[in-house]
């Protein structure tokens, strides 16, 4: 159950970081309303809070989060920007997820 809760927090943090950053991107690059910036800033602030709910120390959480962020970014690009991942994206993403599993969940003695 702890692993499922931890993975949920990783995914939530990733969605906050990518979603908040994307809203600010749209504001700056696509000339969207200032409200895109405001909402993006609030969501990015939430991103700063969510990882503190993880059951590990700061360094380990952020190291593992990097792998989650990579995979979520590939999925975001595929679903939002309509850029399908190629086999190298998929292989690289799988390697990153393997790293997350080792860093966060491998039994330690």
Foldseek 3Di string as FASTA:
>chain_A
DLVVVQVVLLVLLLCLQVQLVVLVCCVPPVVDDCVSNVVSVVSNVVSVVSLVPRPDDDVLSVQLSVLVNLLVVQVCCCPPVVDHDDPVSVVSSVVSNVVSCCSRPDDDD
